[in-house]
Protein backbone atom coordinates (compact mmCIF):
# COMPACT_ATOMS: atom_id res chain seq x y z
CA UNK A 1 0.00 0.00 0.00
CA UNK A 2 1.13 3.55 -0.61
CA UNK A 3 1.37 5.71 2.51
CA UNK A 4 3.32 8.91 3.18
CA UNK A 5 4.79 8.82 -0.36
CA UNK A 6 6.33 5.37 0.22
CA UNK A 7 5.27 1.78 -0.41
CA UNK A 8 4.38 -0.12 2.76
CA UNK A 9 4.50 -3.93 2.95
CA UNK A 10 1.13 -5.18 4.15
CA UNK A 11 1.85 -8.91 4.14
CA UNK A 12 5.22 -10.60 3.99
CA UNK A 13 4.25 -14.09 5.12
CA UNK A 14 3.53 -17.17 3.06
CA UNK A 15 0.27 -17.04 1.17
CA UNK A 16 -1.34 -19.86 -0.78
CA UNK A 17 -0.23 -19.66 -4.39
CA UNK A 18 -2.71 -19.13 -7.19
CA UNK A 19 -3.21 -22.05 -9.55
CA UNK A 20 -0.44 -22.10 -12.16
CA UNK A 21 -1.10 -21.93 -15.89
CA UNK A 22 -4.77 -21.04 -15.54
CA UNK A 23 -6.56 -17.73 -15.18
CA UNK A 24 -6.96 -16.65 -11.56
CA UNK A 25 -9.38 -14.05 -10.25
CA UNK A 26 -7.59 -11.46 -8.09
CA UNK A 27 -9.57 -8.81 -6.23
CA UNK A 28 -9.15 -6.13 -3.59
CA UNK A 29 -12.21 -4.89 -1.77
CA UNK A 30 -11.93 -1.73 0.34
CA UNK A 31 -14.76 -0.89 2.71
CA UNK A 32 -14.39 2.08 5.06
CA UNK A 33 -10.66 1.58 5.66
CA UNK A 34 -10.72 -2.23 5.70
CA UNK A 35 -8.96 -3.92 2.77
CA UNK A 36 -9.77 -7.50 1.77
CA UNK A 37 -7.44 -9.33 -0.63
CA UNK A 38 -9.00 -12.22 -2.53
CA UNK A 39 -7.74 -14.90 -4.93
CA UNK A 40 -10.38 -16.94 -6.73
CA UNK A 41 -13.11 -15.53 -4.44
CA UNK A 42 -11.31 -16.61 -1.24
CA UNK A 43 -10.10 -13.99 1.22
CA UNK A 44 -6.37 -14.55 1.71
CA UNK A 45 -5.63 -11.47 3.81
CA UNK A 46 -7.30 -8.41 5.32
CA UNK A 47 -5.97 -5.29 7.00
CA UNK A 48 -7.21 -1.94 8.26
CA UNK A 49 -5.82 1.47 7.41
CA UNK A 50 -8.01 4.50 7.89
CA UNK A 51 -5.24 6.98 7.02
CA UNK A 52 -5.20 6.35 3.27
CA UNK A 53 -7.11 8.79 1.09
CA UNK A 54 -9.75 7.24 -1.17
CA UNK A 55 -9.57 7.33 -4.93
CA UNK A 56 -6.15 5.94 -5.92
CA UNK A 57 -5.40 2.59 -7.54
CA UNK A 58 -2.01 0.95 -8.05
CA UNK A 59 -0.27 -2.34 -8.65
CA UNK A 60 3.15 -3.31 -7.36
CA UNK A 61 5.07 -6.56 -7.27
CA UNK A 62 8.48 -7.77 -6.16
CA UNK A 63 10.58 -10.74 -7.15
CA UNK A 64 12.81 -12.58 -4.70
CA UNK A 65 15.57 -13.74 -7.04
CA UNK A 66 18.06 -11.92 -9.30
CA UNK A 67 17.18 -12.20 -12.98
CA UNK A 68 13.71 -13.45 -12.10
CA UNK A 69 10.88 -12.18 -14.26
CA UNK A 70 7.13 -11.99 -14.17
CA UNK A 71 4.46 -11.66 -16.81
CA UNK A 72 1.08 -10.25 -15.87
CA UNK A 73 -1.93 -10.46 -18.14
CA UNK A 74 -5.31 -9.00 -17.34
CA UNK A 75 -8.55 -10.17 -18.86
CA UNK A 76 -11.71 -8.26 -18.02
CA UNK A 77 -10.05 -5.78 -15.64
CA UNK A 78 -12.88 -4.11 -13.72
CA UNK A 79 -12.71 -1.15 -11.37
CA UNK A 80 -15.92 -0.20 -9.63
CA UNK A 81 -17.30 1.44 -6.56
CA UNK A 82 -19.29 -0.91 -4.33
CA UNK A 83 -22.97 -0.15 -4.01
CA UNK A 84 -24.03 1.34 -0.70
């Protein structure tokens, strides 16, 4: 997450890996300062941060090994505001 003009690590523990070589559904749901991170409709992590201003969207990744690479493909990328 971005806070005070710097990226903050929100989870640095082991998480279940998405299924390889198939499309996975990745989602982030933010409700009044609570962030839910989902893979294939399962919540894998949640955190609270009421200091972040609403309205920004970003994507960041890191790789653990030198010369490692990643390829990201998005199909049907949707950004929407939840209904109240």
